[in-house]
Amino acid sequence: MVKAVEADRAALLSLANRQRDLAVAGWSVGATQLDRLNIDIGRGHQHVFLSSAPGQEAMTSDGSKEGK
C-alpha cells in the first residue's frame, strides 16, 4: 500500500468524494431504469436503493409494494 504525501491529502480526499458521489448517482440512474423496466413488463416495482452516506437516507424505497 502506498501512502499519499500529507500535502496531497486534501486534494485526494476531495477527488475520492466526487467519485463516490458520481458512483451513487450512476447507481440511482440504473436502479430507476431497472424499476421502470420491471413495471413495463408487468412485474411491478423492483426496489434497488443505496445510501450515499451512513444516516443520509438519500435513496430509499418509495413505499410501493415490491414486484415479482
Protein backbone atom coordinates (compact mmCIF):
# COMPACT_ATOMS: atom_id res chain seq x y z
CA MET A 1 0.00 0.00 0.00
CA VAL A 2 1.33 3.40 -0.99
CA LYS A 3 0.52 6.32 1.27
CA ALA A 4 -0.11 9.78 -0.13
CA VAL A 5 2.05 12.70 0.81
CA GLU A 6 0.31 14.75 3.52
CA ALA A 7 0.32 17.82 1.24
CA ASP A 8 -1.81 15.89 -1.30
CA ARG A 9 -4.27 14.50 1.25
CA ALA A 10 -7.00 17.17 0.93
CA ALA A 11 -6.99 17.08 -2.87
CA LEU A 12 -7.13 13.28 -2.94
CA LEU A 13 -9.98 13.15 -0.43
CA SER A 14 -11.89 15.71 -2.48
CA LEU A 15 -11.39 13.63 -5.63
CA ALA A 16 -12.48 10.44 -3.84
CA ASN A 17 -15.61 12.21 -2.54
CA ARG A 18 -16.54 13.39 -6.05
CA GLN A 19 -16.01 9.89 -7.44
CA ARG A 20 -18.20 8.42 -4.69
CA ASP A 21 -20.95 10.92 -5.47
CA LEU A 22 -20.78 10.10 -9.19
CA ALA A 23 -20.95 6.38 -8.45
CA VAL A 24 -24.04 6.85 -6.26
CA ALA A 25 -25.69 8.97 -8.95
CA GLY A 26 -24.91 6.29 -11.55
CA TRP A 27 -26.37 3.62 -9.28
CA SER A 28 -29.52 5.72 -8.89
CA VAL A 29 -30.00 6.02 -12.66
CA GLY A 30 -29.52 2.28 -13.16
CA ALA A 31 -31.86 1.40 -10.30
CA THR A 32 -34.55 3.72 -11.68
CA GLN A 33 -34.23 2.15 -15.13
CA LEU A 34 -34.48 -1.35 -13.63
CA ASP A 35 -37.62 -0.33 -11.76
CA ARG A 36 -39.16 1.17 -14.90
CA LEU A 37 -38.39 -1.95 -16.97
CA ASN A 38 -39.94 -4.22 -14.34
CA ILE A 39 -43.09 -2.08 -14.28
CA ASP A 40 -43.28 -2.01 -18.09
CA ILE A 41 -43.16 -5.82 -18.35
CA GLY A 42 -45.77 -6.24 -15.64
CA ARG A 43 -43.54 -7.42 -12.83
CA GLY A 44 -44.11 -4.40 -10.58
CA HIS A 45 -41.59 -2.31 -8.70
CA GLN A 46 -38.05 -3.58 -8.21
CA HIS A 47 -36.58 -1.55 -5.37
CA VAL A 48 -32.82 -1.26 -5.58
CA PHE A 49 -31.52 1.54 -3.42
CA LEU A 50 -28.24 2.66 -1.96
CA SER A 51 -27.48 5.16 0.77
CA SER A 52 -24.69 7.51 -0.19
CA ALA A 53 -23.57 8.05 3.40
CA PRO A 54 -24.47 6.45 6.74
CA GLY A 55 -27.65 8.00 8.10
CA GLN A 56 -28.23 10.12 5.00
CA GLU A 57 -31.13 8.05 3.64
CA ALA A 58 -30.58 9.72 0.26
CA MET A 59 -32.06 6.85 -1.70
CA THR A 60 -34.69 4.71 -0.10
CA SER A 61 -37.61 2.57 -1.13
CA ASP A 62 -40.59 4.62 -2.28
CA GLY A 63 -43.10 2.68 -0.21
CA SER A 64 -44.69 0.95 -3.21
CA LYS A 65 -45.34 -2.78 -3.00
CA GLU A 66 -42.40 -4.88 -4.16
CA GLY A 67 -42.91 -6.63 -7.51
CA LYS A 68 -42.23 -10.21 -8.56
